[in-house]
């Protein structure tokens, strides 16, 4: 029995690409776009992710709670902790009395620091 096969050239027609490859390329493009938008306000994706999760938590999050969260796109949990610490350093977040990272500012009222509100607002306005 003789079989013939067509030689493989290593190229695939656009309409023959596997859907997973196309989906991953689309994901990469979206991530590049979001990174560029955040870079315009001097914020990284890990910082934005940490900020949003800390703000959404009723009483903030400790570093251990941040490490326990599932993080997107293969980002390491320790990267998230460093990103949150950078937000504290930038005065976007405060450290609570329990040592947890929180969005609570003066007067015990929930909310970002004034710098954090400004940065969060600028990030939300990015196209």
C-alpha atoms as a PDB file:
ATOM      1  CA  UNK A   1       0.000   0.000   0.000  1.00  0.00           C
ATOM      2  CA  UNK A   2       1.407   3.334  -1.033  1.00  0.00           C
ATOM      3  CA  UNK A   3       0.434   6.568   0.638  1.00  0.00           C
ATOM      4  CA  UNK A   4       1.243  10.001  -0.506  1.00  0.00           C
ATOM      5  CA  UNK A   5       1.320  13.061   1.591  1.00  0.00           C
ATOM      6  CA  UNK A   6       1.650  16.665   0.781  1.00  0.00           C
ATOM      7  CA  UNK A   7       4.850  18.274   1.947  1.00  0.00           C
ATOM      8  CA  UNK A   8       4.532  20.544   4.941  1.00  0.00           C
ATOM      9  CA  UNK A   9       5.855  23.996   4.385  1.00  0.00           C
ATOM     10  CA  UNK A  10       5.314  25.312   7.894  1.00  0.00           C
ATOM     11  CA  UNK A  11       2.793  27.881   6.772  1.00  0.00           C
ATOM     12  CA  UNK A  12      -0.901  27.684   7.319  1.00  0.00           C
ATOM     13  CA  UNK A  13      -3.463  29.616   5.399  1.00  0.00           C
ATOM     14  CA  UNK A  14      -5.323  32.190   7.489  1.00  0.00           C
ATOM     15  CA  UNK A  15      -8.576  30.256   7.180  1.00  0.00           C
ATOM     16  CA  UNK A  16      -6.827  27.041   8.326  1.00  0.00           C
ATOM     17  CA  UNK A  17      -5.331  28.298  11.598  1.00  0.00           C
ATOM     18  CA  UNK A  18      -6.435  26.495  14.730  1.00  0.00           C
ATOM     19  CA  UNK A  19      -9.034  28.456  16.699  1.00  0.00           C
ATOM     20  CA  UNK A  20      -6.920  28.307  19.867  1.00  0.00           C
ATOM     21  CA  UNK A  21      -4.097  30.137  18.087  1.00  0.00           C
ATOM     22  CA  UNK A  22      -6.462  32.805  16.799  1.00  0.00           C
ATOM     23  CA  UNK A  23      -8.017  33.207  20.257  1.00  0.00           C
ATOM     24  CA  UNK A  24      -4.605  33.499  21.913  1.00  0.00           C
ATOM     25  CA  UNK A  25      -3.472  36.121  19.393  1.00  0.00           C
ATOM     26  CA  UNK A  26      -6.643  38.113  20.123  1.00  0.00           C
ATOM     27  CA  UNK A  27      -5.968  37.809  23.858  1.00  0.00           C
ATOM     28  CA  UNK A  28      -2.407  39.031  23.372  1.00  0.00           C
ATOM     29  CA  UNK A  29      -3.659  42.038  21.391  1.00  0.00           C
ATOM     30  CA  UNK A  30      -6.144  42.940  24.120  1.00  0.00           C
ATOM     31  CA  UNK A  31      -3.460  42.613  26.802  1.00  0.00           C
ATOM     32  CA  UNK A  32      -1.059  44.811  24.810  1.00  0.00           C
ATOM     33  CA  UNK A  33      -3.787  47.430  24.417  1.00  0.00           C
ATOM     34  CA  UNK A  34      -4.609  47.422  28.132  1.00  0.00           C
ATOM     35  CA  UNK A  35      -0.913  47.591  29.070  1.00  0.00           C
ATOM     36  CA  UNK A  36      -0.434  50.583  26.785  1.00  0.00           C
ATOM     37  CA  UNK A  37      -3.479  52.358  28.216  1.00  0.00           C
ATOM     38  CA  UNK A  38      -2.288  51.777  31.793  1.00  0.00           C
ATOM     39  CA  UNK A  39       1.266  52.808  30.917  1.00  0.00           C
ATOM     40  CA  UNK A  40      -0.065  56.213  29.868  1.00  0.00           C
ATOM     41  CA  UNK A  41      -0.970  56.805  33.523  1.00  0.00           C
ATOM     42  CA  UNK A  42       2.151  55.074  34.874  1.00  0.00           C
ATOM     43  CA  UNK A  43       0.298  52.015  36.174  1.00  0.00           C
ATOM     44  CA  UNK A  44       0.956  48.355  35.467  1.00  0.00           C
ATOM     45  CA  UNK A  45      -1.574  45.551  34.969  1.00  0.00           C
ATOM     46  CA  UNK A  46      -0.578  43.937  38.269  1.00  0.00           C
ATOM     47  CA  UNK A  47      -1.095  47.274  40.062  1.00  0.00           C
ATOM     48  CA  UNK A  48      -4.498  47.738  38.454  1.00  0.00           C
ATOM     49  CA  UNK A  49      -5.490  44.167  39.314  1.00  0.00           C
ATOM     50  CA  UNK A  50      -4.360  44.570  42.930  1.00  0.00           C
ATOM     51  CA  UNK A  51      -6.065  47.962  43.257  1.00  0.00           C
ATOM     52  CA  UNK A  52      -9.397  46.676  41.994  1.00  0.00           C
ATOM     53  CA  UNK A  53      -9.386  43.592  44.193  1.00  0.00           C
ATOM     54  CA  UNK A  54      -8.366  45.507  47.314  1.00  0.00           C
ATOM     55  CA  UNK A  55     -10.961  48.228  46.713  1.00  0.00           C
ATOM     56  CA  UNK A  56     -13.729  45.669  46.111  1.00  0.00           C
ATOM     57  CA  UNK A  57     -12.991  43.879  49.389  1.00  0.00           C
ATOM     58  CA  UNK A  58     -15.125  45.377  52.155  1.00  0.00           C
ATOM     59  CA  UNK A  59     -12.236  45.698  54.621  1.00  0.00           C
ATOM     60  CA  UNK A  60      -9.274  45.548  52.249  1.00  0.00           C
ATOM     61  CA  UNK A  61      -6.986  42.560  51.841  1.00  0.00           C
ATOM     62  CA  UNK A  62      -3.912  41.377  53.670  1.00  0.00           C
ATOM     63  CA  UNK A  63      -0.869  40.285  51.734  1.00  0.00           C
ATOM     64  CA  UNK A  64      -1.751  36.665  52.574  1.00  0.00           C
ATOM     65  CA  UNK A  65      -5.263  37.154  51.165  1.00  0.00           C
ATOM     66  CA  UNK A  66      -3.783  38.593  47.988  1.00  0.00           C
ATOM     67  CA  UNK A  67      -1.527  35.531  47.682  1.00  0.00           C
ATOM     68  CA  UNK A  68      -4.579  33.271  48.067  1.00  0.00           C
ATOM     69  CA  UNK A  69      -6.460  34.880  45.156  1.00  0.00           C
ATOM     70  CA  UNK A  70      -6.415  33.389  41.694  1.00  0.00           C
ATOM     71  CA  UNK A  71      -4.504  35.807  39.511  1.00  0.00           C
ATOM     72  CA  UNK A  72      -5.039  36.189  35.766  1.00  0.00           C
ATOM     73  CA  UNK A  73      -2.766  35.431  32.832  1.00  0.00           C
ATOM     74  CA  UNK A  74      -0.128  33.542  34.749  1.00  0.00           C
ATOM     75  CA  UNK A  75       0.875  36.509  36.892  1.00  0.00           C
ATOM     76  CA  UNK A  76       2.553  35.347  40.067  1.00  0.00           C
ATOM     77  CA  UNK A  77       0.772  36.100  43.349  1.00  0.00           C
ATOM     78  CA  UNK A  78       3.942  37.608  44.776  1.00  0.00           C
ATOM     79  CA  UNK A  79       3.921  40.065  41.864  1.00  0.00           C
ATOM     80  CA  UNK A  80       0.451  41.127  43.033  1.00  0.00           C
ATOM     81  CA  UNK A  81       1.755  41.717  46.564  1.00  0.00           C
ATOM     82  CA  UNK A  82       4.615  43.833  45.212  1.00  0.00           C
ATOM     83  CA  UNK A  83       2.143  45.743  43.041  1.00  0.00           C
ATOM     84  CA  UNK A  84      -0.035  46.470  46.079  1.00  0.00           C
ATOM     85  CA  UNK A  85       3.017  47.600  48.040  1.00  0.00           C
ATOM     86  CA  UNK A  86       3.898  49.937  45.161  1.00  0.00           C
ATOM     87  CA  UNK A  87       0.400  51.421  45.408  1.00  0.00           C
ATOM     88  CA  UNK A  88       0.953  52.029  49.125  1.00  0.00           C
ATOM     89  CA  UNK A  89       4.277  53.684  48.306  1.00  0.00           C
ATOM     90  CA  UNK A  90       2.501  55.896  45.746  1.00  0.00           C
ATOM     91  CA  UNK A  91      -0.098  56.781  48.407  1.00  0.00           C
ATOM     92  CA  UNK A  92      -2.944  55.220  46.409  1.00  0.00           C
ATOM     93  CA  UNK A  93      -3.703  52.745  49.198  1.00  0.00           C
ATOM     94  CA  UNK A  94      -3.264  52.841  52.958  1.00  0.00           C
ATOM     95  CA  UNK A  95      -2.102  50.172  55.391  1.00  0.00           C
ATOM     96  CA  UNK A  96      -4.871  49.409  57.863  1.00  0.00           C
ATOM     97  CA  UNK A  97      -4.435  49.017  61.610  1.00  0.00           C
ATOM     98  CA  UNK A  98      -4.390  45.227  61.141  1.00  0.00           C
ATOM     99  CA  UNK A  99      -1.572  45.508  58.609  1.00  0.00           C
ATOM    100  CA  UNK A 100      -3.914  44.800  55.735  1.00  0.00           C
ATOM    101  CA  UNK A 101      -3.824  46.842  52.561  1.00  0.00           C
ATOM    102  CA  UNK A 102      -6.930  48.913  52.371  1.00  0.00           C
ATOM    103  CA  UNK A 103      -8.544  51.676  50.447  1.00  0.00           C
ATOM    104  CA  UNK A 104      -9.665  53.283  53.707  1.00  0.00           C
ATOM    105  CA  UNK A 105      -8.208  56.738  54.134  1.00  0.00           C
ATOM    106  CA  UNK A 106      -8.503  59.391  56.836  1.00  0.00           C
ATOM    107  CA  UNK A 107     -11.615  59.401  58.958  1.00  0.00           C
ATOM    108  CA  UNK A 108     -12.162  55.672  58.483  1.00  0.00           C
ATOM    109  CA  UNK A 109     -14.368  56.286  55.457  1.00  0.00           C
ATOM    110  CA  UNK A 110     -14.084  53.777  52.633  1.00  0.00           C
ATOM    111  CA  UNK A 111     -12.401  55.141  49.564  1.00  0.00           C
ATOM    112  CA  UNK A 112      -9.093  55.565  47.893  1.00  0.00           C
ATOM    113  CA  UNK A 113      -6.607  58.158  48.922  1.00  0.00           C
ATOM    114  CA  UNK A 114      -6.968  61.326  46.839  1.00  0.00           C
ATOM    115  CA  UNK A 115      -4.069  60.203  44.639  1.00  0.00           C
ATOM    116  CA  UNK A 116      -5.635  56.764  44.316  1.00  0.00           C
ATOM    117  CA  UNK A 117      -8.993  58.224  43.299  1.00  0.00           C
ATOM    118  CA  UNK A 118      -7.263  60.354  40.684  1.00  0.00           C
ATOM    119  CA  UNK A 119      -5.276  57.415  39.291  1.00  0.00           C
ATOM    120  CA  UNK A 120      -8.268  55.089  39.330  1.00  0.00           C
ATOM    121  CA  UNK A 121     -10.366  57.681  37.523  1.00  0.00           C
ATOM    122  CA  UNK A 122      -7.669  58.259  34.897  1.00  0.00           C
ATOM    123  CA  UNK A 123      -7.338  54.505  34.315  1.00  0.00           C
ATOM    124  CA  UNK A 124     -11.098  54.133  33.891  1.00  0.00           C
ATOM    125  CA  UNK A 125     -11.059  56.909  31.291  1.00  0.00           C
ATOM    126  CA  UNK A 126      -8.445  55.157  29.127  1.00  0.00           C
ATOM    127  CA  UNK A 127      -9.773  53.920  25.752  1.00  0.00           C
END
